[in-house]
Amino acid sequence: MSHEIPRHWRLKDQRLKLEGEVCPEGHFVFPPRDICPNCHREAKKKVLLSGKGKVYSSTVIYEAPAGYQGLAPYQVALVKLDEGPMITAQLTDLHDSTKPVKIGTKVEMVTRKLRDNSDETGLIPYGYKFRVPIKSS
C-alpha cells in the first residue's frame, strides 16, 4: 500500500494554505515543528502565513528528478517570507523559466500541481509554488 495518500492529507494545510506555527516569543515557524528553531520553546499555535515574500536565491533546474521531467526547465527559489521563515519552492507563471529571477524580487504563494503523477494511486499532488505578483493597472 502506498503511503502517499495519507501523507498528502496529513500535510494538506501546510501545502495548500501555508499553515505554520508561532512560538510564545512571536517567531514564525515553517514547516511546522514542535520546537521553535530560534528560541527553542514550544511552537504549537497554528497560524496562516501571508504567502508573501522575496526571492533570497534561485536556480534553474534543467534535468528534473523522477516525476518532474515534464516541468523542466523550471526555477526553484529560496523565498524569505514576510513573517521571517525561509522556504524552498518552485517559481511558476514565469515568461521565461530559464531566465533567473533577480534576488529581492517580490513573490506571492499560489497553489499549483506539484509534479506529474505516474504511480498507481492516481493522486494528483497540489501544493504551494511562488510567482511574481501580477501588477494591476
N, C-alpha and C. Protein backbone atom coordinates (compact mmCIF):
# COMPACT_ATOMS: atom_id res chain seq x y z
N MET A 1 0.84 -1.18 0.00
CA MET A 1 0.00 0.00 0.00
C MET A 1 0.88 1.25 0.00
N SER A 2 0.47 2.23 -0.76
CA SER A 2 1.23 3.48 -0.85
C SER A 2 0.95 4.37 0.35
N HIS A 3 1.98 5.05 0.81
CA HIS A 3 1.83 5.99 1.92
C HIS A 3 1.62 7.41 1.42
N GLU A 4 1.56 7.59 0.10
CA GLU A 4 1.44 8.92 -0.49
C GLU A 4 0.11 9.60 -0.14
N ILE A 5 -1.00 8.87 -0.19
CA ILE A 5 -2.31 9.50 0.08
C ILE A 5 -2.43 9.93 1.55
N PRO A 6 -2.14 9.06 2.54
CA PRO A 6 -2.21 9.53 3.93
C PRO A 6 -1.26 10.70 4.20
N ARG A 7 -0.08 10.64 3.61
CA ARG A 7 0.91 11.73 3.79
C ARG A 7 0.37 13.03 3.21
N HIS A 8 -0.26 12.94 2.03
CA HIS A 8 -0.85 14.12 1.39
C HIS A 8 -1.90 14.76 2.30
N TRP A 9 -2.79 13.97 2.86
CA TRP A 9 -3.84 14.52 3.72
C TRP A 9 -3.28 15.08 5.02
N ARG A 10 -2.24 14.45 5.55
CA ARG A 10 -1.62 14.94 6.79
C ARG A 10 -0.97 16.30 6.58
N LEU A 11 -0.43 16.56 5.38
CA LEU A 11 0.29 17.80 5.10
C LEU A 11 -0.52 18.82 4.30
N LYS A 12 -1.82 18.57 4.08
CA LYS A 12 -2.59 19.44 3.18
C LYS A 12 -2.68 20.88 3.65
N ASP A 13 -2.86 21.15 4.93
CA ASP A 13 -2.93 22.54 5.40
C ASP A 13 -1.61 23.27 5.20
N GLN A 14 -0.52 22.58 5.43
CA GLN A 14 0.81 23.16 5.21
C GLN A 14 1.03 23.43 3.72
N ARG A 15 0.67 22.49 2.87
CA ARG A 15 0.94 22.61 1.44
C ARG A 15 -0.04 23.53 0.70
N LEU A 16 -1.30 23.54 1.13
CA LEU A 16 -2.31 24.31 0.40
C LEU A 16 -2.58 25.68 0.99
N LYS A 17 -2.39 25.84 2.29
CA LYS A 17 -2.69 27.11 2.94
C LYS A 17 -1.46 27.82 3.50
N LEU A 18 -0.31 27.19 3.42
CA LEU A 18 0.92 27.71 4.03
C LEU A 18 0.72 27.92 5.54
N GLU A 19 0.21 26.88 6.18
CA GLU A 19 -0.02 26.93 7.62
C GLU A 19 1.27 26.59 8.36
N GLY A 20 1.65 27.47 9.26
CA GLY A 20 2.83 27.28 10.07
C GLY A 20 2.46 27.35 11.55
N GLU A 21 3.42 27.70 12.35
CA GLU A 21 3.19 27.85 13.80
C GLU A 21 3.91 29.11 14.27
N VAL A 22 3.49 29.57 15.43
CA VAL A 22 4.16 30.70 16.06
C VAL A 22 4.45 30.31 17.51
N CYS A 23 5.64 30.68 17.96
CA CYS A 23 6.04 30.34 19.33
C CYS A 23 5.62 31.47 20.28
N PRO A 24 5.72 31.26 21.58
CA PRO A 24 5.35 32.31 22.55
C PRO A 24 6.17 33.60 22.41
N GLU A 25 7.37 33.51 21.82
CA GLU A 25 8.22 34.69 21.62
C GLU A 25 7.84 35.44 20.34
N GLY A 26 6.92 34.90 19.54
CA GLY A 26 6.46 35.57 18.32
C GLY A 26 7.21 35.19 17.06
N HIS A 27 8.06 34.17 17.12
CA HIS A 27 8.77 33.70 15.92
C HIS A 27 7.84 32.80 15.11
N PHE A 28 7.79 33.02 13.81
CA PHE A 28 7.01 32.18 12.93
C PHE A 28 7.86 30.99 12.50
N VAL A 29 7.24 29.81 12.46
CA VAL A 29 7.94 28.58 12.17
C VAL A 29 7.28 27.89 10.97
N PHE A 30 8.07 27.60 9.94
CA PHE A 30 7.57 26.85 8.80
C PHE A 30 8.71 26.03 8.23
N PRO A 31 8.51 24.75 7.96
CA PRO A 31 7.30 24.00 8.20
C PRO A 31 7.06 23.79 9.68
N PRO A 32 5.81 23.47 10.06
CA PRO A 32 5.51 23.30 11.48
C PRO A 32 6.39 22.24 12.12
N ARG A 33 6.83 22.52 13.33
CA ARG A 33 7.57 21.56 14.15
C ARG A 33 7.28 21.91 15.60
N ASP A 34 7.58 21.03 16.49
CA ASP A 34 7.20 21.23 17.89
C ASP A 34 8.03 22.28 18.62
N ILE A 35 9.25 22.50 18.17
CA ILE A 35 10.15 23.41 18.87
C ILE A 35 10.58 24.54 17.93
N CYS A 36 10.54 25.77 18.41
CA CYS A 36 10.98 26.92 17.62
C CYS A 36 12.49 26.86 17.44
N PRO A 37 12.99 26.97 16.20
CA PRO A 37 14.44 26.92 15.99
C PRO A 37 15.17 28.16 16.50
N ASN A 38 14.43 29.24 16.80
CA ASN A 38 15.07 30.47 17.28
C ASN A 38 15.23 30.50 18.79
N CYS A 39 14.13 30.23 19.52
CA CYS A 39 14.18 30.35 20.98
C CYS A 39 14.11 29.01 21.70
N HIS A 40 13.88 27.92 20.95
CA HIS A 40 13.83 26.56 21.48
C HIS A 40 12.69 26.34 22.46
N ARG A 41 11.63 27.13 22.33
CA ARG A 41 10.40 26.92 23.12
C ARG A 41 9.38 26.21 22.25
N GLU A 42 8.31 25.72 22.87
CA GLU A 42 7.26 25.04 22.11
C GLU A 42 6.63 25.98 21.11
N ALA A 43 6.37 25.47 19.92
CA ALA A 43 5.71 26.26 18.88
C ALA A 43 4.52 25.44 18.38
N LYS A 44 3.39 25.54 19.07
CA LYS A 44 2.24 24.71 18.72
C LYS A 44 1.03 25.52 18.28
N LYS A 45 1.10 26.84 18.38
CA LYS A 45 -0.04 27.66 17.98
C LYS A 45 -0.01 27.79 16.45
N LYS A 46 -1.06 27.29 15.79
CA LYS A 46 -1.13 27.32 14.33
C LYS A 46 -1.42 28.73 13.83
N VAL A 47 -0.83 29.07 12.66
CA VAL A 47 -1.01 30.38 12.06
C VAL A 47 -0.91 30.24 10.55
N LEU A 48 -1.74 31.00 9.83
CA LEU A 48 -1.64 31.03 8.38
C LEU A 48 -0.65 32.12 7.99
N LEU A 49 0.36 31.76 7.25
CA LEU A 49 1.34 32.73 6.79
C LEU A 49 0.77 33.48 5.58
N SER A 50 1.24 34.69 5.36
CA SER A 50 0.68 35.55 4.31
C SER A 50 0.93 35.02 2.90
N GLY A 51 2.01 34.26 2.72
CA GLY A 51 2.36 33.79 1.39
C GLY A 51 3.10 34.83 0.57
N LYS A 52 3.48 35.92 1.20
CA LYS A 52 4.23 36.98 0.51
C LYS A 52 5.66 36.98 1.01
N GLY A 53 6.58 37.26 0.09
CA GLY A 53 7.98 37.28 0.46
C GLY A 53 8.85 37.78 -0.67
N LYS A 54 10.16 37.53 -0.54
CA LYS A 54 11.13 37.96 -1.55
C LYS A 54 12.07 36.80 -1.87
N VAL A 55 12.53 36.78 -3.11
CA VAL A 55 13.49 35.77 -3.54
C VAL A 55 14.83 36.06 -2.87
N TYR A 56 15.34 35.08 -2.15
CA TYR A 56 16.63 35.19 -1.48
C TYR A 56 17.73 34.62 -2.37
N SER A 57 17.37 33.57 -3.13
CA SER A 57 18.29 32.92 -4.05
C SER A 57 17.46 32.06 -4.99
N SER A 58 17.96 31.81 -6.20
CA SER A 58 17.22 30.92 -7.11
C SER A 58 18.17 30.23 -8.07
N THR A 59 17.67 29.15 -8.67
CA THR A 59 18.44 28.41 -9.67
C THR A 59 17.48 27.80 -10.68
N VAL A 60 17.98 27.51 -11.86
CA VAL A 60 17.19 26.87 -12.91
C VAL A 60 17.53 25.38 -12.93
N ILE A 61 16.51 24.55 -12.92
CA ILE A 61 16.67 23.10 -12.98
C ILE A 61 16.43 22.66 -14.42
N TYR A 62 17.44 22.07 -15.04
CA TYR A 62 17.32 21.59 -16.42
C TYR A 62 17.08 20.08 -16.48
N GLU A 63 17.67 19.33 -15.56
CA GLU A 63 17.49 17.89 -15.50
C GLU A 63 16.70 17.55 -14.25
N ALA A 64 15.41 17.35 -14.44
CA ALA A 64 14.49 17.15 -13.32
C ALA A 64 14.51 15.72 -12.81
N PRO A 65 14.26 15.55 -11.51
CA PRO A 65 14.17 14.20 -10.95
C PRO A 65 12.89 13.50 -11.40
N ALA A 66 12.76 12.23 -11.09
CA ALA A 66 11.59 11.43 -11.47
C ALA A 66 10.30 12.11 -11.02
N GLY A 67 9.34 12.16 -11.94
CA GLY A 67 8.05 12.76 -11.64
C GLY A 67 7.98 14.23 -12.02
N TYR A 68 9.12 14.85 -12.26
CA TYR A 68 9.17 16.28 -12.57
C TYR A 68 9.70 16.57 -13.98
N GLN A 69 9.98 15.51 -14.76
CA GLN A 69 10.61 15.69 -16.06
C GLN A 69 9.79 16.60 -16.98
N GLY A 70 8.49 16.50 -16.95
CA GLY A 70 7.64 17.31 -17.82
C GLY A 70 7.65 18.79 -17.48
N LEU A 71 8.20 19.14 -16.33
CA LEU A 71 8.23 20.54 -15.90
C LEU A 71 9.52 21.25 -16.29
N ALA A 72 10.57 20.51 -16.60
CA ALA A 72 11.88 21.11 -16.87
C ALA A 72 11.87 21.84 -18.21
N PRO A 73 12.61 22.93 -18.32
CA PRO A 73 13.34 23.60 -17.24
C PRO A 73 12.39 24.40 -16.34
N TYR A 74 12.73 24.46 -15.06
CA TYR A 74 11.95 25.25 -14.10
C TYR A 74 12.89 25.86 -13.07
N GLN A 75 12.36 26.87 -12.36
CA GLN A 75 13.17 27.54 -11.34
C GLN A 75 12.74 27.15 -9.95
N VAL A 76 13.71 27.01 -9.09
CA VAL A 76 13.48 26.79 -7.67
C VAL A 76 14.13 27.95 -6.93
N ALA A 77 13.43 28.46 -5.93
CA ALA A 77 13.96 29.61 -5.19
C ALA A 77 13.91 29.37 -3.69
N LEU A 78 14.81 30.02 -3.01
CA LEU A 78 14.76 30.14 -1.56
C LEU A 78 14.02 31.45 -1.33
N VAL A 79 12.84 31.37 -0.73
CA VAL A 79 11.99 32.54 -0.52
C VAL A 79 11.99 32.90 0.96
N LYS A 80 12.29 34.16 1.26
CA LYS A 80 12.20 34.66 2.63
C LYS A 80 10.82 35.26 2.78
N LEU A 81 9.97 34.60 3.58
CA LEU A 81 8.61 35.08 3.79
C LEU A 81 8.61 36.37 4.61
N ASP A 82 7.60 37.20 4.43
CA ASP A 82 7.50 38.45 5.18
C ASP A 82 7.51 38.20 6.68
N GLU A 83 7.01 37.04 7.12
CA GLU A 83 6.99 36.71 8.55
C GLU A 83 8.33 36.22 9.07
N GLY A 84 9.28 35.93 8.17
CA GLY A 84 10.62 35.54 8.60
C GLY A 84 11.14 34.21 8.12
N PRO A 85 10.34 33.13 8.12
CA PRO A 85 10.90 31.85 7.68
C PRO A 85 11.36 31.87 6.22
N MET A 86 12.36 31.05 5.92
CA MET A 86 12.80 30.88 4.53
C MET A 86 12.40 29.48 4.10
N ILE A 87 11.80 29.40 2.89
CA ILE A 87 11.37 28.11 2.37
C ILE A 87 11.84 27.95 0.93
N THR A 88 12.01 26.72 0.53
CA THR A 88 12.37 26.41 -0.84
C THR A 88 11.09 26.08 -1.59
N ALA A 89 10.95 26.66 -2.79
CA ALA A 89 9.75 26.41 -3.58
C ALA A 89 10.03 26.64 -5.06
N GLN A 90 9.21 26.03 -5.88
CA GLN A 90 9.32 26.26 -7.31
C GLN A 90 8.68 27.59 -7.66
N LEU A 91 9.28 28.31 -8.61
CA LEU A 91 8.69 29.54 -9.13
C LEU A 91 7.85 29.15 -10.34
N THR A 92 6.69 29.77 -10.49
CA THR A 92 5.77 29.41 -11.56
C THR A 92 5.27 30.65 -12.27
N ASP A 93 4.58 30.44 -13.38
CA ASP A 93 3.97 31.52 -14.17
C ASP A 93 5.01 32.52 -14.67
N LEU A 94 6.20 32.02 -14.99
CA LEU A 94 7.27 32.87 -15.50
C LEU A 94 7.20 32.95 -17.02
N HIS A 95 7.50 34.11 -17.56
CA HIS A 95 7.52 34.27 -19.02
C HIS A 95 8.62 33.41 -19.63
N ASP A 96 9.79 33.41 -19.00
CA ASP A 96 10.93 32.61 -19.46
C ASP A 96 11.53 31.92 -18.25
N SER A 97 11.26 30.62 -18.11
CA SER A 97 11.71 29.90 -16.91
C SER A 97 13.21 29.66 -16.89
N THR A 98 13.92 29.99 -17.98
CA THR A 98 15.38 29.82 -17.99
C THR A 98 16.11 31.10 -17.60
N LYS A 99 15.37 32.21 -17.48
CA LYS A 99 15.98 33.48 -17.08
C LYS A 99 15.83 33.63 -15.57
N PRO A 100 16.94 33.59 -14.84
CA PRO A 100 16.85 33.65 -13.37
C PRO A 100 16.12 34.90 -12.86
N VAL A 101 15.29 34.69 -11.85
CA VAL A 101 14.60 35.80 -11.20
C VAL A 101 15.61 36.50 -10.31
N LYS A 102 15.56 37.83 -10.30
CA LYS A 102 16.53 38.61 -9.52
C LYS A 102 16.30 38.45 -8.02
N ILE A 103 17.41 38.43 -7.29
CA ILE A 103 17.34 38.40 -5.84
C ILE A 103 16.63 39.66 -5.37
N GLY A 104 15.71 39.50 -4.42
CA GLY A 104 14.94 40.62 -3.90
C GLY A 104 13.60 40.82 -4.58
N THR A 105 13.33 40.06 -5.66
CA THR A 105 12.05 40.16 -6.34
C THR A 105 10.92 39.72 -5.41
N LYS A 106 9.86 40.51 -5.33
CA LYS A 106 8.71 40.14 -4.51
C LYS A 106 7.95 39.00 -5.18
N VAL A 107 7.52 38.06 -4.36
CA VAL A 107 6.75 36.92 -4.85
C VAL A 107 5.57 36.65 -3.92
N GLU A 108 4.59 35.90 -4.44
CA GLU A 108 3.44 35.51 -3.64
C GLU A 108 3.15 34.03 -3.87
N MET A 109 2.60 33.39 -2.86
CA MET A 109 2.28 31.98 -2.92
C MET A 109 1.04 31.76 -3.76
N VAL A 110 1.07 30.71 -4.57
CA VAL A 110 -0.10 30.25 -5.33
C VAL A 110 -0.15 28.73 -5.20
N THR A 111 -1.32 28.16 -5.40
CA THR A 111 -1.48 26.71 -5.36
C THR A 111 -1.44 26.18 -6.78
N ARG A 112 -0.60 25.20 -7.01
CA ARG A 112 -0.42 24.62 -8.34
C ARG A 112 -0.17 23.11 -8.21
N LYS A 113 -0.29 22.41 -9.34
CA LYS A 113 0.07 20.99 -9.39
C LYS A 113 1.58 20.93 -9.17
N LEU A 114 2.02 20.06 -8.26
CA LEU A 114 3.44 19.99 -7.91
C LEU A 114 4.27 19.21 -8.91
N ARG A 115 3.73 18.10 -9.40
CA ARG A 115 4.51 17.26 -10.30
C ARG A 115 3.58 16.39 -11.12
N ASP A 116 4.17 15.75 -12.12
CA ASP A 116 3.42 14.77 -12.91
C ASP A 116 3.25 13.53 -12.05
N ASN A 117 2.11 12.89 -12.20
CA ASN A 117 1.86 11.69 -11.41
C ASN A 117 1.87 10.48 -12.32
N SER A 118 2.69 9.51 -12.01
CA SER A 118 2.72 8.31 -12.82
C SER A 118 2.65 7.05 -11.96
N ASP A 119 2.22 7.19 -10.71
CA ASP A 119 2.14 6.00 -9.87
C ASP A 119 0.72 5.43 -9.86
N GLU A 120 0.55 4.35 -9.14
CA GLU A 120 -0.72 3.62 -9.14
C GLU A 120 -1.82 4.28 -8.30
N THR A 121 -1.49 5.26 -7.47
CA THR A 121 -2.51 5.85 -6.59
C THR A 121 -3.48 6.76 -7.34
N GLY A 122 -3.03 7.37 -8.43
CA GLY A 122 -3.89 8.30 -9.16
C GLY A 122 -3.96 9.67 -8.50
N LEU A 123 -3.22 9.87 -7.41
CA LEU A 123 -3.22 11.14 -6.70
C LEU A 123 -2.51 12.21 -7.52
N ILE A 124 -3.16 13.35 -7.70
CA ILE A 124 -2.53 14.49 -8.36
C ILE A 124 -2.13 15.45 -7.24
N PRO A 125 -0.84 15.54 -6.92
CA PRO A 125 -0.42 16.35 -5.77
C PRO A 125 -0.39 17.85 -6.09
N TYR A 126 -1.08 18.62 -5.26
CA TYR A 126 -1.08 20.08 -5.35
C TYR A 126 -0.38 20.63 -4.12
N GLY A 127 0.17 21.83 -4.25
CA GLY A 127 0.84 22.46 -3.13
C GLY A 127 1.24 23.87 -3.49
N TYR A 128 2.08 24.47 -2.65
CA TYR A 128 2.47 25.85 -2.88
C TYR A 128 3.63 25.96 -3.86
N LYS A 129 3.54 27.00 -4.67
CA LYS A 129 4.62 27.48 -5.52
C LYS A 129 4.56 29.00 -5.36
N PHE A 130 5.53 29.70 -5.92
CA PHE A 130 5.53 31.16 -5.83
C PHE A 130 5.60 31.77 -7.21
N ARG A 131 4.98 32.93 -7.37
CA ARG A 131 5.02 33.68 -8.63
C ARG A 131 5.25 35.14 -8.33
N VAL A 132 5.75 35.84 -9.35
CA VAL A 132 5.88 37.29 -9.25
C VAL A 132 4.45 37.83 -9.33
N PRO A 133 4.02 38.69 -8.40
CA PRO A 133 2.63 39.17 -8.41
C PRO A 133 2.26 39.84 -9.72
N ILE A 134 1.03 39.63 -10.13
CA ILE A 134 0.50 40.29 -11.32
C ILE A 134 0.22 41.75 -10.95
N LYS A 135 0.75 42.67 -11.74
CA LYS A 135 0.56 44.09 -11.45
C LYS A 135 -0.81 44.51 -11.96
N SER A 136 -1.59 45.15 -11.08
CA SER A 136 -2.90 45.66 -11.52
C SER A 136 -2.75 47.04 -12.09
N SER A 137 -3.53 47.32 -13.14
CA SER A 137 -3.40 48.64 -13.78
C SER A 137 -4.46 49.59 -13.32
